[in-house]
């Protein structure tokens, strides 16, 4: 079960890595159909893309020792979930985002499942997977 969990986390970590790279190097216009955006929005977008990169690195930090880094994982899951709630607020106020963002929101709202799965792993007997 630990190995399956690690594989799922590895795969899911590629999502924030993708958005970090495209956001940092492409800016907000790359996610806005190429339309020009104001400098303030682009600046904030690139800054937040740096957080995606941090998320990627923190997930891999947790992967290094999933049996002892559960607190970090739960904090990451909380941050992801709070972001999803913010997306829901945007959805309620402005309407639906593009399909890609809707898919992201669905994954983010489901993030607490990872914390529950990890809790089961923490309580299960078995060898620690390196």
N, C-alpha and C. Protein backbone atom coordinates (compact mmCIF):
# COMPACT_ATOMS: atom_id res chain seq x y z
N UNK A 1 0.82 -1.19 0.00
CA UNK A 1 0.00 0.00 0.00
C UNK A 1 0.87 1.26 0.00
N UNK A 2 2.02 1.21 0.68
CA UNK A 2 2.91 2.36 0.71
C UNK A 2 3.46 2.67 -0.68
N UNK A 3 3.83 1.64 -1.40
CA UNK A 3 4.39 1.85 -2.73
C UNK A 3 3.33 2.46 -3.66
N UNK A 4 2.11 1.97 -3.59
CA UNK A 4 1.03 2.53 -4.42
C UNK A 4 0.82 4.01 -4.09
N UNK A 5 0.84 4.32 -2.82
CA UNK A 5 0.67 5.71 -2.38
C UNK A 5 1.78 6.58 -2.94
N UNK A 6 3.01 6.10 -2.86
CA UNK A 6 4.15 6.87 -3.36
C UNK A 6 4.03 7.08 -4.87
N UNK A 7 3.61 6.07 -5.59
CA UNK A 7 3.47 6.20 -7.04
C UNK A 7 2.40 7.24 -7.38
N UNK A 8 1.28 7.19 -6.67
CA UNK A 8 0.21 8.16 -6.91
C UNK A 8 0.72 9.58 -6.61
N UNK A 9 1.44 9.76 -5.51
CA UNK A 9 1.99 11.08 -5.19
C UNK A 9 2.98 11.54 -6.25
N UNK A 10 3.81 10.63 -6.73
CA UNK A 10 4.77 11.00 -7.78
C UNK A 10 4.06 11.49 -9.02
N UNK A 11 3.03 10.78 -9.42
CA UNK A 11 2.28 11.17 -10.62
C UNK A 11 1.57 12.50 -10.39
N UNK A 12 0.91 12.64 -9.24
CA UNK A 12 0.20 13.89 -8.95
C UNK A 12 1.16 15.08 -8.84
N UNK A 13 2.39 14.84 -8.42
CA UNK A 13 3.36 15.93 -8.28
C UNK A 13 3.71 16.56 -9.63
N UNK A 14 3.48 15.83 -10.71
CA UNK A 14 3.78 16.36 -12.04
C UNK A 14 2.82 17.49 -12.43
N UNK A 15 1.65 17.52 -11.82
CA UNK A 15 0.67 18.57 -12.14
C UNK A 15 1.19 19.94 -11.69
N UNK A 16 1.58 20.11 -10.41
CA UNK A 16 2.10 21.43 -10.04
C UNK A 16 3.43 21.76 -10.75
N UNK A 17 4.22 20.74 -11.07
CA UNK A 17 5.45 21.00 -11.81
C UNK A 17 5.13 21.59 -13.18
N UNK A 18 4.17 21.01 -13.87
CA UNK A 18 3.77 21.52 -15.18
C UNK A 18 3.31 22.98 -15.09
N UNK A 19 2.42 23.26 -14.13
CA UNK A 19 1.91 24.61 -14.01
C UNK A 19 2.97 25.59 -13.52
N UNK A 20 3.92 25.13 -12.75
CA UNK A 20 5.02 25.99 -12.33
C UNK A 20 5.86 26.40 -13.53
N UNK A 21 6.26 25.45 -14.32
CA UNK A 21 7.13 25.73 -15.47
C UNK A 21 6.41 26.62 -16.48
N UNK A 22 5.17 26.24 -16.82
CA UNK A 22 4.45 27.04 -17.82
C UNK A 22 4.09 28.42 -17.28
N UNK A 23 3.80 28.51 -15.99
CA UNK A 23 3.46 29.81 -15.41
C UNK A 23 4.65 30.73 -15.25
N UNK A 24 5.77 30.18 -14.81
CA UNK A 24 6.96 31.00 -14.61
C UNK A 24 7.49 31.50 -15.95
N UNK A 25 7.55 30.62 -16.93
CA UNK A 25 8.16 31.00 -18.20
C UNK A 25 7.17 31.55 -19.23
N UNK A 26 5.88 31.21 -19.10
CA UNK A 26 4.90 31.69 -20.07
C UNK A 26 4.06 32.85 -19.57
N UNK A 27 4.00 33.01 -18.26
CA UNK A 27 3.21 34.09 -17.70
C UNK A 27 1.72 33.86 -17.80
N UNK A 28 0.97 34.84 -17.37
CA UNK A 28 -0.49 34.73 -17.35
C UNK A 28 -1.08 34.66 -18.75
N UNK A 29 -0.45 35.30 -19.72
CA UNK A 29 -0.96 35.29 -21.09
C UNK A 29 -1.01 33.87 -21.65
N UNK A 30 -0.07 33.02 -21.24
CA UNK A 30 -0.05 31.64 -21.75
C UNK A 30 -1.26 30.85 -21.28
N UNK A 31 -1.87 31.27 -20.19
CA UNK A 31 -3.05 30.59 -19.66
C UNK A 31 -4.33 31.38 -19.97
N UNK A 32 -4.17 32.41 -20.79
CA UNK A 32 -5.30 33.28 -21.11
C UNK A 32 -5.50 33.34 -22.62
N UNK A 33 -5.22 32.25 -23.29
CA UNK A 33 -5.41 32.20 -24.73
C UNK A 33 -4.48 33.13 -25.49
N UNK A 34 -3.37 33.51 -24.88
CA UNK A 34 -2.43 34.40 -25.54
C UNK A 34 -2.79 35.87 -25.46
N UNK A 35 -3.94 36.18 -24.85
CA UNK A 35 -4.34 37.59 -24.72
C UNK A 35 -3.40 38.30 -23.76
N UNK A 36 -3.11 39.53 -24.07
CA UNK A 36 -2.24 40.34 -23.23
C UNK A 36 -2.95 40.64 -21.91
N UNK A 37 -2.20 40.54 -20.83
CA UNK A 37 -2.75 40.84 -19.50
C UNK A 37 -1.93 41.98 -18.90
N UNK A 38 -2.50 42.60 -17.90
CA UNK A 38 -1.81 43.69 -17.21
C UNK A 38 -0.56 43.15 -16.50
N UNK A 39 0.43 44.00 -16.36
CA UNK A 39 1.69 43.60 -15.74
C UNK A 39 1.48 43.12 -14.30
N UNK A 40 0.57 43.75 -13.56
CA UNK A 40 0.32 43.36 -12.17
C UNK A 40 -0.21 41.93 -12.09
N UNK A 41 -1.14 41.58 -12.99
CA UNK A 41 -1.69 40.22 -13.00
C UNK A 41 -0.61 39.22 -13.40
N UNK A 42 0.18 39.55 -14.42
CA UNK A 42 1.24 38.64 -14.85
C UNK A 42 2.26 38.43 -13.74
N UNK A 43 2.60 39.52 -13.06
CA UNK A 43 3.57 39.43 -11.96
C UNK A 43 3.06 38.52 -10.86
N UNK A 44 1.80 38.69 -10.47
CA UNK A 44 1.21 37.85 -9.43
C UNK A 44 1.12 36.41 -9.88
N UNK A 45 0.75 36.19 -11.13
CA UNK A 45 0.63 34.85 -11.70
C UNK A 45 1.97 34.11 -11.65
N UNK A 46 3.03 34.79 -12.05
CA UNK A 46 4.36 34.16 -12.03
C UNK A 46 4.81 33.88 -10.60
N UNK A 47 4.49 34.81 -9.70
CA UNK A 47 4.83 34.61 -8.29
C UNK A 47 4.13 33.36 -7.75
N UNK A 48 2.84 33.23 -8.01
CA UNK A 48 2.10 32.07 -7.53
C UNK A 48 2.54 30.79 -8.23
N UNK A 49 3.04 30.90 -9.44
CA UNK A 49 3.60 29.73 -10.13
C UNK A 49 4.82 29.22 -9.38
N UNK A 50 5.53 30.12 -8.72
CA UNK A 50 6.65 29.70 -7.88
C UNK A 50 6.17 28.83 -6.72
N UNK A 51 4.97 29.11 -6.23
CA UNK A 51 4.41 28.27 -5.18
C UNK A 51 4.12 26.87 -5.69
N UNK A 52 3.69 26.78 -6.94
CA UNK A 52 3.50 25.45 -7.53
C UNK A 52 4.81 24.68 -7.54
N UNK A 53 5.90 25.36 -7.87
CA UNK A 53 7.20 24.70 -7.86
C UNK A 53 7.57 24.25 -6.44
N UNK A 54 7.28 25.09 -5.47
CA UNK A 54 7.52 24.72 -4.07
C UNK A 54 6.69 23.51 -3.67
N UNK A 55 5.45 23.47 -4.13
CA UNK A 55 4.58 22.34 -3.85
C UNK A 55 5.18 21.05 -4.41
N UNK A 56 5.68 21.12 -5.62
CA UNK A 56 6.33 19.96 -6.24
C UNK A 56 7.49 19.47 -5.36
N UNK A 57 8.37 20.38 -4.96
CA UNK A 57 9.52 19.99 -4.14
C UNK A 57 9.09 19.44 -2.77
N UNK A 58 8.08 20.03 -2.17
CA UNK A 58 7.61 19.54 -0.88
C UNK A 58 6.98 18.15 -0.98
N UNK A 59 6.28 17.89 -2.07
CA UNK A 59 5.74 16.54 -2.26
C UNK A 59 6.88 15.53 -2.34
N UNK A 60 7.93 15.88 -3.07
CA UNK A 60 9.07 14.96 -3.18
C UNK A 60 9.81 14.84 -1.86
N UNK A 61 9.79 15.89 -1.04
CA UNK A 61 10.36 15.79 0.30
C UNK A 61 9.59 14.76 1.11
N UNK A 62 8.28 14.81 1.06
CA UNK A 62 7.44 13.84 1.76
C UNK A 62 7.71 12.44 1.24
N UNK A 63 7.86 12.30 -0.06
CA UNK A 63 8.12 10.98 -0.64
C UNK A 63 9.41 10.36 -0.10
N UNK A 64 10.35 11.20 0.32
CA UNK A 64 11.60 10.70 0.85
C UNK A 64 11.44 9.89 2.13
N UNK A 65 10.37 10.13 2.87
CA UNK A 65 10.12 9.39 4.11
C UNK A 65 8.66 9.56 4.50
N UNK A 66 7.79 8.83 3.81
CA UNK A 66 6.35 9.02 4.02
C UNK A 66 5.90 8.61 5.41
N UNK A 67 6.68 7.80 6.08
CA UNK A 67 6.28 7.36 7.42
C UNK A 67 6.54 8.41 8.48
N UNK A 68 7.43 9.34 8.22
CA UNK A 68 7.78 10.34 9.24
C UNK A 68 7.40 11.77 8.85
N UNK A 69 6.92 11.96 7.64
CA UNK A 69 6.63 13.32 7.17
C UNK A 69 5.14 13.53 6.91
N UNK A 70 4.33 12.85 7.67
CA UNK A 70 2.88 12.97 7.52
C UNK A 70 2.36 14.36 7.83
N UNK A 71 2.96 15.04 8.79
CA UNK A 71 2.51 16.39 9.13
C UNK A 71 2.70 17.33 7.95
N UNK A 72 3.83 17.21 7.29
CA UNK A 72 4.09 18.05 6.11
C UNK A 72 3.05 17.74 5.03
N UNK A 73 2.78 16.48 4.82
CA UNK A 73 1.80 16.08 3.82
C UNK A 73 0.42 16.66 4.15
N UNK A 74 0.02 16.56 5.40
CA UNK A 74 -1.29 17.07 5.78
C UNK A 74 -1.37 18.60 5.61
N UNK A 75 -0.28 19.30 5.87
CA UNK A 75 -0.26 20.75 5.64
C UNK A 75 -0.36 21.07 4.15
N UNK A 76 0.31 20.28 3.33
CA UNK A 76 0.21 20.46 1.88
C UNK A 76 -1.22 20.22 1.40
N UNK A 77 -1.82 19.16 1.89
CA UNK A 77 -3.19 18.84 1.52
C UNK A 77 -4.12 19.98 1.95
N UNK A 78 -3.91 20.51 3.13
CA UNK A 78 -4.72 21.63 3.61
C UNK A 78 -4.57 22.84 2.69
N UNK A 79 -3.34 23.16 2.32
CA UNK A 79 -3.10 24.30 1.42
C UNK A 79 -3.78 24.09 0.07
N UNK A 80 -3.69 22.89 -0.46
CA UNK A 80 -4.33 22.57 -1.74
C UNK A 80 -5.84 22.71 -1.62
N UNK A 81 -6.39 22.21 -0.53
CA UNK A 81 -7.84 22.27 -0.32
C UNK A 81 -8.32 23.72 -0.16
N UNK A 82 -7.57 24.53 0.57
CA UNK A 82 -7.93 25.95 0.72
C UNK A 82 -7.93 26.64 -0.64
N UNK A 83 -6.95 26.30 -1.47
CA UNK A 83 -6.92 26.85 -2.83
C UNK A 83 -8.16 26.44 -3.62
N UNK A 84 -8.61 25.22 -3.44
CA UNK A 84 -9.81 24.75 -4.14
C UNK A 84 -11.05 25.51 -3.66
N UNK A 85 -11.10 25.80 -2.37
CA UNK A 85 -12.23 26.57 -1.86
C UNK A 85 -12.22 27.98 -2.45
N UNK A 86 -11.03 28.55 -2.62
CA UNK A 86 -10.92 29.87 -3.26
C UNK A 86 -11.40 29.79 -4.71
N UNK A 87 -11.08 28.69 -5.40
CA UNK A 87 -11.57 28.51 -6.78
C UNK A 87 -13.10 28.41 -6.78
N UNK A 88 -13.66 27.72 -5.79
CA UNK A 88 -15.12 27.64 -5.70
C UNK A 88 -15.75 29.02 -5.53
N UNK A 89 -15.11 29.86 -4.76
CA UNK A 89 -15.60 31.22 -4.57
C UNK A 89 -15.61 31.96 -5.91
N UNK A 90 -14.53 31.82 -6.67
CA UNK A 90 -14.47 32.43 -7.99
C UNK A 90 -15.57 31.89 -8.90
N UNK A 91 -15.77 30.59 -8.85
CA UNK A 91 -16.82 29.95 -9.65
C UNK A 91 -18.20 30.51 -9.29
N UNK A 92 -18.44 30.67 -8.00
CA UNK A 92 -19.73 31.18 -7.54
C UNK A 92 -19.94 32.65 -7.94
N UNK A 93 -18.86 33.43 -7.92
CA UNK A 93 -18.98 34.85 -8.20
C UNK A 93 -18.92 35.19 -9.69
N UNK A 94 -18.08 34.45 -10.45
CA UNK A 94 -17.83 34.83 -11.84
C UNK A 94 -18.26 33.79 -12.87
N UNK A 95 -18.65 32.60 -12.40
CA UNK A 95 -19.03 31.56 -13.33
C UNK A 95 -17.92 30.54 -13.51
N UNK A 96 -18.17 29.54 -14.33
CA UNK A 96 -17.21 28.45 -14.47
C UNK A 96 -15.92 28.86 -15.18
N UNK A 97 -14.81 28.34 -14.71
CA UNK A 97 -13.53 28.58 -15.38
C UNK A 97 -13.40 27.61 -16.57
N UNK A 98 -12.29 27.69 -17.30
CA UNK A 98 -12.06 26.72 -18.37
C UNK A 98 -12.02 25.29 -17.82
N UNK A 99 -12.24 24.33 -18.71
CA UNK A 99 -12.32 22.92 -18.31
C UNK A 99 -11.08 22.47 -17.56
N UNK A 100 -9.92 22.94 -17.96
CA UNK A 100 -8.67 22.55 -17.30
C UNK A 100 -8.68 22.98 -15.83
N UNK A 101 -9.16 24.17 -15.57
CA UNK A 101 -9.23 24.66 -14.19
C UNK A 101 -10.31 23.91 -13.40
N UNK A 102 -11.39 23.55 -14.06
CA UNK A 102 -12.43 22.76 -13.38
C UNK A 102 -11.88 21.40 -12.95
N UNK A 103 -11.09 20.78 -13.83
CA UNK A 103 -10.46 19.50 -13.49
C UNK A 103 -9.51 19.67 -12.32
N UNK A 104 -8.75 20.75 -12.34
CA UNK A 104 -7.83 21.03 -11.24
C UNK A 104 -8.58 21.22 -9.93
N UNK A 105 -9.68 21.94 -9.99
CA UNK A 105 -10.48 22.17 -8.78
C UNK A 105 -11.03 20.86 -8.23
N UNK A 106 -11.45 19.99 -9.12
CA UNK A 106 -11.97 18.69 -8.67
C UNK A 106 -10.88 17.89 -7.96
N UNK A 107 -9.69 17.87 -8.53
CA UNK A 107 -8.57 17.17 -7.89
C UNK A 107 -8.24 17.80 -6.53
N UNK A 108 -8.23 19.11 -6.49
CA UNK A 108 -7.88 19.81 -5.25
C UNK A 108 -8.92 19.57 -4.16
N UNK A 109 -10.19 19.56 -4.53
CA UNK A 109 -11.23 19.28 -3.55
C UNK A 109 -11.13 17.84 -3.03
N UNK A 110 -10.58 16.95 -3.85
CA UNK A 110 -10.39 15.56 -3.44
C UNK A 110 -9.09 15.30 -2.69
N UNK A 111 -8.26 16.32 -2.55
CA UNK A 111 -6.95 16.15 -1.90
C UNK A 111 -7.03 15.56 -0.49
N UNK A 112 -8.05 15.87 0.30
CA UNK A 112 -8.11 15.27 1.64
C UNK A 112 -8.10 13.74 1.62
N UNK A 113 -8.48 13.14 0.52
CA UNK A 113 -8.42 11.68 0.41
C UNK A 113 -6.97 11.20 0.58
N UNK A 114 -6.01 11.99 0.09
CA UNK A 114 -4.60 11.62 0.25
C UNK A 114 -4.20 11.61 1.73
N UNK A 115 -4.70 12.58 2.48
CA UNK A 115 -4.38 12.61 3.91
C UNK A 115 -4.99 11.41 4.62
N UNK A 116 -6.21 11.04 4.24
CA UNK A 116 -6.84 9.86 4.85
C UNK A 116 -6.09 8.58 4.47
N UNK A 117 -5.71 8.48 3.21
CA UNK A 117 -4.95 7.31 2.75
C UNK A 117 -3.62 7.23 3.51
N UNK A 118 -2.98 8.36 3.67
CA UNK A 118 -1.71 8.36 4.40
C UNK A 118 -1.91 7.95 5.86
N UNK A 119 -3.00 8.39 6.45
CA UNK A 119 -3.29 8.01 7.85
C UNK A 119 -3.44 6.50 7.97
N UNK A 120 -4.10 5.88 6.99
CA UNK A 120 -4.24 4.41 6.98
C UNK A 120 -2.87 3.76 6.87
N UNK A 121 -2.02 4.31 6.03
CA UNK A 121 -0.66 3.76 5.87
C UNK A 121 0.12 3.88 7.16
N UNK A 122 -0.01 5.03 7.82
CA UNK A 122 0.71 5.23 9.08
C UNK A 122 0.33 4.19 10.13
N UNK A 123 -0.92 3.79 10.13
CA UNK A 123 -1.39 2.83 11.14
C UNK A 123 -1.20 1.38 10.72
N UNK A 124 -0.87 1.16 9.45
CA UNK A 124 -0.74 -0.23 8.99
C UNK A 124 0.65 -0.76 9.28
N UNK A 125 0.72 -2.05 9.62
CA UNK A 125 2.04 -2.64 9.85
C UNK A 125 2.71 -2.90 8.51
N UNK A 126 3.97 -3.04 8.54
CA UNK A 126 4.69 -3.37 7.31
C UNK A 126 5.99 -2.62 7.23
N UNK A 127 6.80 -3.04 6.31
CA UNK A 127 8.11 -2.39 6.16
C UNK A 127 7.97 -0.98 5.60
N UNK A 128 8.91 -0.17 5.95
CA UNK A 128 8.98 1.18 5.42
C UNK A 128 9.55 1.08 4.01
N UNK A 129 8.88 1.71 3.06
CA UNK A 129 9.36 1.70 1.69
C UNK A 129 10.35 2.84 1.56
N UNK A 130 11.55 2.57 1.10
CA UNK A 130 12.55 3.64 0.98
C UNK A 130 12.17 4.67 -0.05
